[in-house]
Amino acid sequence: MAEAVEEAVGQPDQGLSNTLKDLFAGAVGGVAQVLIGQPFDIVKVRLQTTSQYKGALDGATQILKTEGASAFYKGTLTPLIGIGACVSVQFGAFNYARRAFEARNASQQHKSVQDIASQPQPLAYWQYYAAGAFAGISNTVLSSPIEHIRIRLQTQPHGAGRLYKGPLDCIAKLSRSPSVAKGLYRGTSVTFMREAQAYGFWFLSFEYMMQSDAKRNSVARKDIPTWKIATYGGLAGEFLWISSYPFDVVKSKMQTDGFGDKQRYKSMRDAFAQTYKQEGMLGFWRGVGPTLLRAMPVSAGTFAVVEVTMRLIS
């Protein structure tokens, strides 16, 4: 496998250049993702963690009425920096794994390094899923605390009842409650499961649609127009959330839970059990409406920006 990875990245300088390009394009896509999706995300989190709203429209209306328009961008600074890093890692890890699989496949066909570089072969679809899952798992060390901080800031009381002054204060308090592992990184176990499933389907569905288009129209991938890339990216976002949403609900419940005597969920397993007991199967799909509504433009923007950025810097 080590030889396959070496072949996948080519010469050391070329491999580093490819990785840096992937990371940069992902970071640009991540910034676009946050700016487009943050208003939808706060409604989703409120619906997942409280029962005070009748639905997505009611939630958005009440937030606007009681907290003002700026409330839709509560906690944006942390994800703006952090999600940019997360998406950067996602695309960097995915493309690294993709090149490793390409080299592995080529070596089994006894192709040379030059053949791999000049004519990379599409992966089997299970390999795209595995590369996407690898990207999600690689990303979890960043996404788990970043999303925890964002959720705490999004769900804290408005006005005088605020619990955190800002992201840094939130990090400090979570790290002491009662420790970094059980405070700041609460919910990481279910985040691993969500990220692997979500990004496995995200990259798999996008690559399937892109390759099908290229084959159907007899064009190179680089010649697929941006509007189609955005459309396929948006649809991939729908597959991402449909495949992983129950994990996200449990993650949100764990990351808004209290500490000490106020802690409601003892573990991920307990959170799943309590949700099912109290809300049934529908409890795992609360807030899915605004999530799917958000997924289309967010994912479309992410893939379109990343693809265009890669074309410009390649």
C-alpha atoms as a PDB file:
ATOM      1  CA  MET A   1       0.000   0.000   0.000  1.00  0.00           C
ATOM      2  CA  ALA A   2       2.894   2.334   0.709  1.00  0.00           C
ATOM      3  CA  GLU A   3       4.070   1.940  -2.893  1.00  0.00           C
ATOM      4  CA  ALA A   4       0.583   2.729  -4.125  1.00  0.00           C
ATOM      5  CA  VAL A   5       0.469   5.933  -2.108  1.00  0.00           C
ATOM      6  CA  GLU A   6       3.899   6.931  -3.384  1.00  0.00           C
ATOM      7  CA  GLU A   7       2.757   6.385  -6.958  1.00  0.00           C
ATOM      8  CA  ALA A   8      -0.482   8.246  -6.304  1.00  0.00           C
ATOM      9  CA  VAL A   9       1.251  11.451  -5.326  1.00  0.00           C
ATOM     10  CA  GLY A  10       4.096  11.091  -7.808  1.00  0.00           C
ATOM     11  CA  GLN A  11       7.281  12.958  -6.924  1.00  0.00           C
ATOM     12  CA  PRO A  12       7.437  14.497  -3.415  1.00  0.00           C
ATOM     13  CA  ASP A  13       7.194  18.048  -4.761  1.00  0.00           C
ATOM     14  CA  GLN A  14       4.270  17.137  -7.001  1.00  0.00           C
ATOM     15  CA  GLY A  15       2.489  15.368  -4.149  1.00  0.00           C
ATOM     16  CA  LEU A  16       2.913  18.376  -1.866  1.00  0.00           C
ATOM     17  CA  SER A  17       1.701  20.709  -4.620  1.00  0.00           C
ATOM     18  CA  ASN A  18      -1.419  18.589  -5.194  1.00  0.00           C
ATOM     19  CA  THR A  19      -2.188  18.497  -1.479  1.00  0.00           C
ATOM     20  CA  LEU A  20      -1.741  22.251  -1.047  1.00  0.00           C
ATOM     21  CA  LYS A  21      -4.046  22.912  -3.999  1.00  0.00           C
ATOM     22  CA  ASP A  22      -6.676  20.571  -2.546  1.00  0.00           C
ATOM     23  CA  LEU A  23      -6.427  22.242   0.864  1.00  0.00           C
ATOM     24  CA  PHE A  24      -6.650  25.766  -0.562  1.00  0.00           C
ATOM     25  CA  ALA A  25      -9.629  24.987  -2.800  1.00  0.00           C
ATOM     26  CA  GLY A  26     -11.382  23.294   0.112  1.00  0.00           C
ATOM     27  CA  ALA A  27     -10.801  26.284   2.386  1.00  0.00           C
ATOM     28  CA  VAL A  28     -12.333  28.660  -0.175  1.00  0.00           C
ATOM     29  CA  GLY A  29     -15.297  26.316  -0.551  1.00  0.00           C
ATOM     30  CA  GLY A  30     -15.669  26.135   3.233  1.00  0.00           C
ATOM     31  CA  VAL A  31     -15.980  29.907   3.595  1.00  0.00           C
ATOM     32  CA  ALA A  32     -18.695  29.923   0.932  1.00  0.00           C
ATOM     33  CA  GLN A  33     -20.419  27.054   2.730  1.00  0.00           C
ATOM     34  CA  VAL A  34     -20.651  28.924   6.038  1.00  0.00           C
ATOM     35  CA  LEU A  35     -21.855  32.218   4.569  1.00  0.00           C
ATOM     36  CA  ILE A  36     -24.605  30.488   2.598  1.00  0.00           C
ATOM     37  CA  GLY A  37     -25.708  27.991   5.220  1.00  0.00           C
ATOM     38  CA  GLN A  38     -25.487  29.663   8.632  1.00  0.00           C
ATOM     39  CA  PRO A  39     -29.058  31.090   8.754  1.00  0.00           C
ATOM     40  CA  PHE A  40     -30.498  27.666   7.866  1.00  0.00           C
ATOM     41  CA  ASP A  41     -28.239  25.951  10.390  1.00  0.00           C
ATOM     42  CA  ILE A  42     -29.383  27.924  13.406  1.00  0.00           C
ATOM     43  CA  VAL A  43     -33.030  27.075  12.632  1.00  0.00           C
ATOM     44  CA  LYS A  44     -32.087  23.402  12.264  1.00  0.00           C
ATOM     45  CA  VAL A  45     -30.284  23.309  15.617  1.00  0.00           C
ATOM     46  CA  ARG A  46     -33.132  25.075  17.430  1.00  0.00           C
ATOM     47  CA  LEU A  47     -35.658  22.567  16.015  1.00  0.00           C
ATOM     48  CA  GLN A  48     -33.435  19.628  16.966  1.00  0.00           C
ATOM     49  CA  THR A  49     -32.884  20.714  20.533  1.00  0.00           C
ATOM     50  CA  THR A  50     -36.098  22.491  21.615  1.00  0.00           C
ATOM     51  CA  SER A  51     -39.849  22.074  21.169  1.00  0.00           C
ATOM     52  CA  GLN A  52     -40.797  25.750  21.308  1.00  0.00           C
ATOM     53  CA  TYR A  53     -41.298  26.084  17.546  1.00  0.00           C
ATOM     54  CA  LYS A  54     -44.087  24.593  15.422  1.00  0.00           C
ATOM     55  CA  GLY A  55     -41.797  24.182  12.439  1.00  0.00           C
ATOM     56  CA  ALA A  56     -39.003  25.729  10.393  1.00  0.00           C
ATOM     57  CA  LEU A  57     -40.979  28.790   9.281  1.00  0.00           C
ATOM     58  CA  ASP A  58     -42.253  29.427  12.805  1.00  0.00           C
ATOM     59  CA  GLY A  59     -38.730  29.018  14.167  1.00  0.00           C
ATOM     60  CA  ALA A  60     -37.256  31.469  11.683  1.00  0.00           C
ATOM     61  CA  THR A  61     -40.080  33.958  12.303  1.00  0.00           C
ATOM     62  CA  GLN A  62     -39.731  33.841  16.089  1.00  0.00           C
ATOM     63  CA  ILE A  63     -35.935  34.146  15.947  1.00  0.00           C
ATOM     64  CA  LEU A  64     -36.255  37.200  13.706  1.00  0.00           C
ATOM     65  CA  LYS A  65     -38.965  38.739  15.904  1.00  0.00           C
ATOM     66  CA  THR A  66     -37.352  38.183  19.311  1.00  0.00           C
ATOM     67  CA  GLU A  67     -33.637  38.273  18.523  1.00  0.00           C
ATOM     68  CA  GLY A  68     -33.295  40.265  15.333  1.00  0.00           C
ATOM     69  CA  ALA A  69     -31.767  39.464  11.950  1.00  0.00           C
ATOM     70  CA  SER A  70     -28.242  39.251  13.383  1.00  0.00           C
ATOM     71  CA  ALA A  71     -29.300  36.174  15.379  1.00  0.00           C
ATOM     72  CA  PHE A  72     -29.173  34.110  12.195  1.00  0.00           C
ATOM     73  CA  TYR A  73     -25.419  34.615  12.228  1.00  0.00           C
ATOM     74  CA  LYS A  74     -24.865  33.805  15.896  1.00  0.00           C
ATOM     75  CA  GLY A  75     -21.645  31.898  16.387  1.00  0.00           C
ATOM     76  CA  THR A  76     -20.493  32.548  12.808  1.00  0.00           C
ATOM     77  CA  LEU A  77     -16.901  33.515  13.588  1.00  0.00           C
ATOM     78  CA  THR A  78     -15.943  30.055  14.834  1.00  0.00           C
ATOM     79  CA  PRO A  79     -17.355  28.142  11.843  1.00  0.00           C
ATOM     80  CA  LEU A  80     -16.121  30.775   9.378  1.00  0.00           C
ATOM     81  CA  ILE A  81     -12.585  29.995  10.469  1.00  0.00           C
ATOM     82  CA  GLY A  82     -13.165  26.408  11.494  1.00  0.00           C
ATOM     83  CA  ILE A  83     -15.412  25.142   8.705  1.00  0.00           C
ATOM     84  CA  GLY A  84     -12.992  26.586   6.172  1.00  0.00           C
ATOM     85  CA  ALA A  85     -10.346  24.392   7.786  1.00  0.00           C
ATOM     86  CA  CYS A  86     -12.759  21.434   7.937  1.00  0.00           C
ATOM     87  CA  VAL A  87     -13.707  21.560   4.265  1.00  0.00           C
ATOM     88  CA  SER A  88     -10.047  22.044   3.435  1.00  0.00           C
ATOM     89  CA  VAL A  89      -9.225  18.816   5.293  1.00  0.00           C
ATOM     90  CA  GLN A  90     -12.181  17.022   3.695  1.00  0.00           C
ATOM     91  CA  PHE A  91     -11.085  17.722   0.134  1.00  0.00           C
ATOM     92  CA  GLY A  92      -7.409  17.218   0.941  1.00  0.00           C
ATOM     93  CA  ALA A  93      -8.054  13.841   2.580  1.00  0.00           C
ATOM     94  CA  PHE A  94     -10.530  12.728  -0.092  1.00  0.00           C
ATOM     95  CA  ASN A  95      -8.185  13.497  -2.977  1.00  0.00           C
ATOM     96  CA  TYR A  96      -5.247  11.897  -1.169  1.00  0.00           C
ATOM     97  CA  ALA A  97      -7.246   8.704  -0.682  1.00  0.00           C
ATOM     98  CA  ARG A  98      -8.552   8.908  -4.255  1.00  0.00           C
ATOM     99  CA  ARG A  99      -5.025   9.086  -5.676  1.00  0.00           C
ATOM    100  CA  ALA A 100      -3.969   6.181  -3.477  1.00  0.00           C
ATOM    101  CA  PHE A 101      -6.856   4.069  -4.771  1.00  0.00           C
ATOM    102  CA  GLU A 102      -6.051   5.079  -8.368  1.00  0.00           C
ATOM    103  CA  ALA A 103      -2.475   3.949  -7.894  1.00  0.00           C
ATOM    104  CA  ARG A 104      -3.570   0.714  -6.247  1.00  0.00           C
ATOM    105  CA  ASN A 105      -5.950  -0.039  -9.103  1.00  0.00           C
ATOM    106  CA  ALA A 106      -3.317   0.814 -11.698  1.00  0.00           C
ATOM    107  CA  SER A 107      -0.670  -1.321 -10.016  1.00  0.00           C
ATOM    108  CA  GLN A 108      -3.046  -4.284 -10.172  1.00  0.00           C
ATOM    109  CA  GLN A 109      -3.300  -3.664 -13.913  1.00  0.00           C
ATOM    110  CA  HIS A 110       0.529  -3.362 -14.128  1.00  0.00           C
ATOM    111  CA  LYS A 111       0.417   0.224 -15.351  1.00  0.00           C
ATOM    112  CA  SER A 112       3.404   2.555 -15.049  1.00  0.00           C
ATOM    113  CA  VAL A 113       3.579   5.730 -12.965  1.00  0.00           C
ATOM    114  CA  GLN A 114       3.422   7.739 -16.208  1.00  0.00           C
ATOM    115  CA  ASP A 115       0.188   6.007 -17.182  1.00  0.00           C
ATOM    116  CA  ILE A 116      -1.307   6.797 -13.790  1.00  0.00           C
ATOM    117  CA  ALA A 117      -0.417  10.478 -14.092  1.00  0.00           C
ATOM    118  CA  SER A 118      -1.603  10.882 -17.697  1.00  0.00           C
ATOM    119  CA  GLN A 119      -4.746   8.735 -17.574  1.00  0.00           C
ATOM    120  CA  PRO A 120      -6.087   8.317 -14.036  1.00  0.00           C
ATOM    121  CA  GLN A 121      -8.887   5.763 -13.996  1.00  0.00           C
ATOM    122  CA  PRO A 122     -12.178   6.314 -12.144  1.00  0.00           C
ATOM    123  CA  LEU A 123     -12.481   4.411  -8.900  1.00  0.00           C
ATOM    124  CA  ALA A 124     -15.036   1.742  -8.133  1.00  0.00           C
ATOM    125  CA  TYR A 125     -17.982   3.359  -6.384  1.00  0.00           C
ATOM    126  CA  TRP A 126     -17.197   1.623  -3.093  1.00  0.00           C
ATOM    127  CA  GLN A 127     -13.768   3.240  -3.285  1.00  0.00           C
ATOM    128  CA  TYR A 128     -15.297   6.695  -3.674  1.00  0.00           C
ATOM    129  CA  TYR A 129     -17.422   5.988  -0.596  1.00  0.00           C
ATOM    130  CA  ALA A 130     -14.358   4.772   1.320  1.00  0.00           C
ATOM    131  CA  ALA A 131     -12.331   7.835   0.300  1.00  0.00           C
ATOM    132  CA  GLY A 132     -15.206  10.090   1.395  1.00  0.00           C
ATOM    133  CA  ALA A 133     -15.537   8.249   4.705  1.00  0.00           C
ATOM    134  CA  PHE A 134     -11.781   8.656   5.226  1.00  0.00           C
ATOM    135  CA  ALA A 135     -12.186  12.389   4.590  1.00  0.00           C
ATOM    136  CA  GLY A 136     -15.003  12.601   7.137  1.00  0.00           C
ATOM    137  CA  ILE A 137     -13.111  10.689   9.802  1.00  0.00           C
ATOM    138  CA  SER A 138      -9.983  12.802   9.204  1.00  0.00           C
ATOM    139  CA  ASN A 139     -12.100  15.904   9.641  1.00  0.00           C
ATOM    140  CA  THR A 140     -13.752  14.883  12.933  1.00  0.00           C
ATOM    141  CA  VAL A 141     -10.952  16.087  15.190  1.00  0.00           C
ATOM    142  CA  LEU A 142     -11.727  19.607  13.922  1.00  0.00           C
ATOM    143  CA  SER A 143     -15.464  19.410  13.249  1.00  0.00           C
ATOM    144  CA  SER A 144     -16.486  17.975  16.626  1.00  0.00           C
ATOM    145  CA  PRO A 145     -15.339  20.894  18.833  1.00  0.00           C
ATOM    146  CA  ILE A 146     -16.120  23.520  16.179  1.00  0.00           C
ATOM    147  CA  GLU A 147     -19.721  22.364  15.839  1.00  0.00           C
ATOM    148  CA  HIS A 148     -20.041  21.990  19.608  1.00  0.00           C
ATOM    149  CA  ILE A 149     -19.021  25.622  20.107  1.00  0.00           C
ATOM    150  CA  ARG A 150     -21.341  26.795  17.342  1.00  0.00           C
ATOM    151  CA  ILE A 151     -24.298  24.862  18.767  1.00  0.00           C
ATOM    152  CA  ARG A 152     -23.715  26.221  22.289  1.00  0.00           C
ATOM    153  CA  LEU A 153     -23.629  29.785  20.960  1.00  0.00           C
ATOM    154  CA  GLN A 154     -26.690  29.236  18.758  1.00  0.00           C
ATOM    155  CA  THR A 155     -28.825  27.805  21.553  1.00  0.00           C
ATOM    156  CA  GLN A 156     -27.812  29.969  24.509  1.00  0.00           C
ATOM    157  CA  PRO A 157     -30.450  32.314  25.976  1.00  0.00           C
ATOM    158  CA  HIS A 158     -30.796  35.710  24.360  1.00  0.00           C
ATOM    159  CA  GLY A 159     -29.923  38.936  26.177  1.00  0.00           C
ATOM    160  CA  ALA A 160     -29.140  38.974  29.901  1.00  0.00           C
ATOM    161  CA  GLY A 161     -29.263  35.191  30.183  1.00  0.00           C
ATOM    162  CA  ARG A 162     -26.302  34.594  27.896  1.00  0.00           C
ATOM    163  CA  LEU A 163     -23.985  31.840  29.083  1.00  0.00           C
ATOM    164  CA  TYR A 164     -20.979  32.640  26.893  1.00  0.00           C
ATOM    165  CA  LYS A 165     -19.470  35.981  25.940  1.00  0.00           C
ATOM    166  CA  GLY A 166     -18.141  34.607  22.666  1.00  0.00           C
ATOM    167  CA  PRO A 167     -16.251  31.681  21.082  1.00  0.00           C
ATOM    168  CA  LEU A 168     -13.154  31.945  23.295  1.00  0.00           C
ATOM    169  CA  ASP A 169     -15.208  32.122  26.474  1.00  0.00           C
ATOM    170  CA  CYS A 170     -17.223  29.134  25.263  1.00  0.00           C
ATOM    171  CA  ILE A 171     -14.049  27.125  24.585  1.00  0.00           C
ATOM    172  CA  ALA A 172     -12.698  27.938  28.040  1.00  0.00           C
ATOM    173  CA  LYS A 173     -15.888  26.970  29.860  1.00  0.00           C
ATOM    174  CA  LEU A 174     -16.447  23.780  27.866  1.00  0.00           C
ATOM    175  CA  SER A 175     -12.849  22.709  28.450  1.00  0.00           C
ATOM    176  CA  ARG A 176     -13.412  22.931  32.197  1.00  0.00           C
ATOM    177  CA  SER A 177     -16.779  21.118  32.138  1.00  0.00           C
ATOM    178  CA  PRO A 178     -15.471  18.806  33.441  1.00  0.00           C
ATOM    179  CA  SER A 179     -12.558  18.297  31.026  1.00  0.00           C
ATOM    180  CA  VAL A 180     -11.572  18.785  27.376  1.00  0.00           C
ATOM    181  CA  ALA A 181     -12.535  15.217  26.462  1.00  0.00           C
ATOM    182  CA  LYS A 182     -15.918  15.242  28.227  1.00  0.00           C
ATOM    183  CA  GLY A 183     -16.654  18.922  27.658  1.00  0.00           C
ATOM    184  CA  LEU A 184     -15.245  20.437  24.482  1.00  0.00           C
ATOM    185  CA  TYR A 185     -15.161  17.084  22.669  1.00  0.00           C
ATOM    186  CA  ARG A 186     -18.541  15.833  23.885  1.00  0.00           C
ATOM    187  CA  GLY A 187     -20.399  13.970  21.139  1.00  0.00           C
ATOM    188  CA  THR A 188     -17.273  13.000  19.224  1.00  0.00           C
ATOM    189  CA  SER A 189     -18.172   9.301  19.076  1.00  0.00           C
ATOM    190  CA  VAL A 190     -21.407   9.967  17.193  1.00  0.00           C
ATOM    191  CA  THR A 191     -19.662  12.658  15.146  1.00  0.00           C
ATOM    192  CA  PHE A 192     -17.239  10.012  13.834  1.00  0.00           C
ATOM    193  CA  MET A 193     -20.204   7.929  12.686  1.00  0.00           C
ATOM    194  CA  ARG A 194     -21.995  10.884  11.127  1.00  0.00           C
ATOM    195  CA  GLU A 195     -18.931  12.193   9.294  1.00  0.00           C
ATOM    196  CA  ALA A 196     -17.966   8.813   7.822  1.00  0.00           C
ATOM    197  CA  GLN A 197     -21.481   8.116   6.550  1.00  0.00           C
ATOM    198  CA  ALA A 198     -22.212  11.670   5.423  1.00  0.00           C
ATOM    199  CA  TYR A 199     -19.034  12.329   3.459  1.00  0.00           C
ATOM    200  CA  GLY A 200     -18.906   8.820   2.075  1.00  0.00           C
ATOM    201  CA  PHE A 201     -22.274   9.493   0.402  1.00  0.00           C
ATOM    202  CA  TRP A 202     -21.431  13.140  -0.380  1.00  0.00           C
ATOM    203  CA  PHE A 203     -18.384  12.407  -2.483  1.00  0.00           C
ATOM    204  CA  LEU A 204     -19.805   9.169  -3.909  1.00  0.00           C
ATOM    205  CA  SER A 205     -23.003  10.791  -5.197  1.00  0.00           C
ATOM    206  CA  PHE A 206     -21.177  13.818  -6.620  1.00  0.00           C
ATOM    207  CA  GLU A 207     -18.603  11.701  -8.439  1.00  0.00           C
ATOM    208  CA  TYR A 208     -21.311   9.401  -9.789  1.00  0.00           C
ATOM    209  CA  MET A 209     -23.249  12.326 -11.277  1.00  0.00           C
ATOM    210  CA  MET A 210     -20.132  14.014 -12.672  1.00  0.00           C
ATOM    211  CA  GLN A 211     -18.867  10.840 -14.315  1.00  0.00           C
ATOM    212  CA  SER A 212     -22.294   9.947 -15.672  1.00  0.00           C
ATOM    213  CA  ASP A 213     -22.551  13.400 -17.248  1.00  0.00           C
ATOM    214  CA  ALA A 214     -19.086  13.197 -18.773  1.00  0.00           C
ATOM    215  CA  LYS A 215     -19.803   9.751 -20.217  1.00  0.00           C
ATOM    216  CA  ARG A 216     -23.296  10.630 -21.431  1.00  0.00           C
ATOM    217  CA  ASN A 217     -22.142  13.771 -23.236  1.00  0.00           C
ATOM    218  CA  SER A 218     -18.669  12.497 -24.253  1.00  0.00           C
ATOM    219  CA  VAL A 219     -16.861  15.415 -22.605  1.00  0.00           C
ATOM    220  CA  ALA A 220     -13.907  15.730 -20.260  1.00  0.00           C
ATOM    221  CA  ARG A 221     -14.648  16.488 -16.617  1.00  0.00           C
ATOM    222  CA  LYS A 222     -13.039  19.922 -16.925  1.00  0.00           C
ATOM    223  CA  ASP A 223     -15.526  20.817 -19.671  1.00  0.00           C
ATOM    224  CA  ILE A 224     -18.627  20.222 -17.539  1.00  0.00           C
ATOM    225  CA  PRO A 225     -20.194  23.687 -17.063  1.00  0.00           C
ATOM    226  CA  THR A 226     -20.289  25.305 -13.640  1.00  0.00           C
ATOM    227  CA  TRP A 227     -24.103  25.294 -13.429  1.00  0.00           C
ATOM    228  CA  LYS A 228     -24.089  21.520 -13.760  1.00  0.00           C
ATOM    229  CA  ILE A 229     -21.371  21.196 -11.115  1.00  0.00           C
ATOM    230  CA  ALA A 230     -23.513  23.303  -8.778  1.00  0.00           C
ATOM    231  CA  THR A 231     -26.588  21.184  -9.533  1.00  0.00           C
ATOM    232  CA  TYR A 232     -24.776  17.903  -8.877  1.00  0.00           C
ATOM    233  CA  GLY A 233     -23.178  19.375  -5.766  1.00  0.00           C
ATOM    234  CA  GLY A 234     -26.572  20.461  -4.466  1.00  0.00           C
ATOM    235  CA  LEU A 235     -28.066  17.019  -5.015  1.00  0.00           C
ATOM    236  CA  ALA A 236     -25.040  15.449  -3.310  1.00  0.00           C
ATOM    237  CA  GLY A 237     -25.816  17.613  -0.292  1.00  0.00           C
ATOM    238  CA  GLU A 238     -29.278  16.081  -0.101  1.00  0.00           C
ATOM    239  CA  PHE A 239     -27.778  12.580  -0.117  1.00  0.00           C
ATOM    240  CA  LEU A 240     -25.301  13.625   2.585  1.00  0.00           C
ATOM    241  CA  TRP A 241     -28.031  14.581   5.044  1.00  0.00           C
ATOM    242  CA  ILE A 242     -30.570  11.878   4.204  1.00  0.00           C
ATOM    243  CA  SER A 243     -27.904   9.240   4.837  1.00  0.00           C
ATOM    244  CA  SER A 244     -26.670  10.677   8.146  1.00  0.00           C
ATOM    245  CA  TYR A 245     -29.354  12.865   9.722  1.00  0.00           C
ATOM    246  CA  PRO A 246     -30.253  10.644  12.730  1.00  0.00           C
ATOM    247  CA  PHE A 247     -26.603  10.747  13.822  1.00  0.00           C
ATOM    248  CA  ASP A 248     -26.694  14.546  13.590  1.00  0.00           C
ATOM    249  CA  VAL A 249     -29.803  14.778  15.773  1.00  0.00           C
ATOM    250  CA  VAL A 250     -28.161  12.713  18.508  1.00  0.00           C
ATOM    251  CA  LYS A 251     -24.977  14.767  18.211  1.00  0.00           C
ATOM    252  CA  SER A 252     -26.922  18.002  18.658  1.00  0.00           C
ATOM    253  CA  LYS A 253     -28.753  16.626  21.695  1.00  0.00           C
ATOM    254  CA  MET A 254     -25.482  15.562  23.318  1.00  0.00           C
ATOM    255  CA  GLN A 255     -23.786  18.871  22.553  1.00  0.00           C
ATOM    256  CA  THR A 256     -26.573  20.939  24.084  1.00  0.00           C
ATOM    257  CA  ASP A 257     -26.853  18.715  27.146  1.00  0.00           C
ATOM    258  CA  GLY A 258     -26.074  20.045  30.616  1.00  0.00           C
ATOM    259  CA  PHE A 259     -23.158  19.130  32.837  1.00  0.00           C
ATOM    260  CA  GLY A 260     -22.979  17.417  36.204  1.00  0.00           C
ATOM    261  CA  ASP A 261     -26.412  17.033  37.798  1.00  0.00           C
ATOM    262  CA  LYS A 262     -27.994  18.645  34.738  1.00  0.00           C
ATOM    263  CA  GLN A 263     -26.610  16.068  32.330  1.00  0.00           C
ATOM    264  CA  ARG A 264     -29.436  14.173  30.641  1.00  0.00           C
ATOM    265  CA  TYR A 265     -27.597  11.728  28.375  1.00  0.00           C
ATOM    266  CA  LYS A 266     -25.000   9.368  29.833  1.00  0.00           C
ATOM    267  CA  SER A 267     -23.632   8.279  26.463  1.00  0.00           C
ATOM    268  CA  MET A 268     -24.331   8.162  22.743  1.00  0.00           C
ATOM    269  CA  ARG A 269     -26.214   4.905  23.194  1.00  0.00           C
ATOM    270  CA  ASP A 270     -28.342   6.452  25.940  1.00  0.00           C
ATOM    271  CA  ALA A 271     -29.104   9.460  23.741  1.00  0.00           C
ATOM    272  CA  PHE A 272     -30.319   7.175  20.941  1.00  0.00           C
ATOM    273  CA  ALA A 273     -32.422   5.159  23.418  1.00  0.00           C
ATOM    274  CA  GLN A 274     -34.018   8.188  25.075  1.00  0.00           C
ATOM    275  CA  THR A 275     -34.796   9.853  21.757  1.00  0.00           C
ATOM    276  CA  TYR A 276     -36.513   6.722  20.457  1.00  0.00           C
ATOM    277  CA  LYS A 277     -38.415   6.146  23.726  1.00  0.00           C
ATOM    278  CA  GLN A 278     -39.708   9.695  24.007  1.00  0.00           C
ATOM    279  CA  GLU A 279     -40.145  10.730  20.377  1.00  0.00           C
ATOM    280  CA  GLY A 280     -40.193   7.538  18.333  1.00  0.00           C
ATOM    281  CA  MET A 281     -38.529   7.254  14.937  1.00  0.00           C
ATOM    282  CA  LEU A 282     -39.739  10.720  13.964  1.00  0.00           C
ATOM    283  CA  GLY A 283     -37.552  12.119  16.729  1.00  0.00           C
ATOM    284  CA  PHE A 284     -34.490  11.283  14.670  1.00  0.00           C
ATOM    285  CA  TRP A 285     -35.769  13.449  11.811  1.00  0.00           C
ATOM    286  CA  ARG A 286     -36.749  16.646  13.658  1.00  0.00           C
ATOM    287  CA  GLY A 287     -35.544  19.682  11.725  1.00  0.00           C
ATOM    288  CA  VAL A 288     -34.810  17.723   8.543  1.00  0.00           C
ATOM    289  CA  GLY A 289     -36.873  20.169   6.450  1.00  0.00           C
ATOM    290  CA  PRO A 290     -34.662  23.255   6.868  1.00  0.00           C
ATOM    291  CA  THR A 291     -31.613  20.997   6.759  1.00  0.00           C
ATOM    292  CA  LEU A 292     -32.493  19.697   3.295  1.00  0.00           C
ATOM    293  CA  LEU A 293     -33.483  23.204   2.214  1.00  0.00           C
ATOM    294  CA  ARG A 294     -30.089  24.441   3.365  1.00  0.00           C
ATOM    295  CA  ALA A 295     -28.182  21.504   1.886  1.00  0.00           C
ATOM    296  CA  MET A 296     -28.931  22.308  -1.752  1.00  0.00           C
ATOM    297  CA  PRO A 297     -27.439  25.844  -1.963  1.00  0.00           C
ATOM    298  CA  VAL A 298     -24.659  25.132   0.554  1.00  0.00           C
ATOM    299  CA  SER A 299     -23.406  21.986  -1.137  1.00  0.00           C
ATOM    300  CA  ALA A 300     -23.902  23.467  -4.605  1.00  0.00           C
ATOM    301  CA  GLY A 301     -21.815  26.485  -3.662  1.00  0.00           C
ATOM    302  CA  THR A 302     -19.122  24.378  -2.035  1.00  0.00           C
ATOM    303  CA  PHE A 303     -18.551  22.047  -4.988  1.00  0.00           C
ATOM    304  CA  ALA A 304     -18.851  24.817  -7.576  1.00  0.00           C
ATOM    305  CA  VAL A 305     -16.341  27.024  -5.744  1.00  0.00           C
ATOM    306  CA  VAL A 306     -13.922  24.135  -5.159  1.00  0.00           C
ATOM    307  CA  GLU A 307     -14.078  22.910  -8.781  1.00  0.00           C
ATOM    308  CA  VAL A 308     -13.647  26.414 -10.220  1.00  0.00           C
ATOM    309  CA  THR A 309     -10.807  27.165  -7.792  1.00  0.00           C
ATOM    310  CA  MET A 310      -9.034  23.931  -8.749  1.00  0.00           C
ATOM    311  CA  ARG A 311      -9.346  24.784 -12.450  1.00  0.00           C
ATOM    312  CA  LEU A 312      -7.895  28.232 -11.865  1.00  0.00           C
ATOM    313  CA  ILE A 313      -4.897  27.072  -9.839  1.00  0.00           C
ATOM    314  CA  SER A 314      -4.130  23.859 -11.769  1.00  0.00           C
END
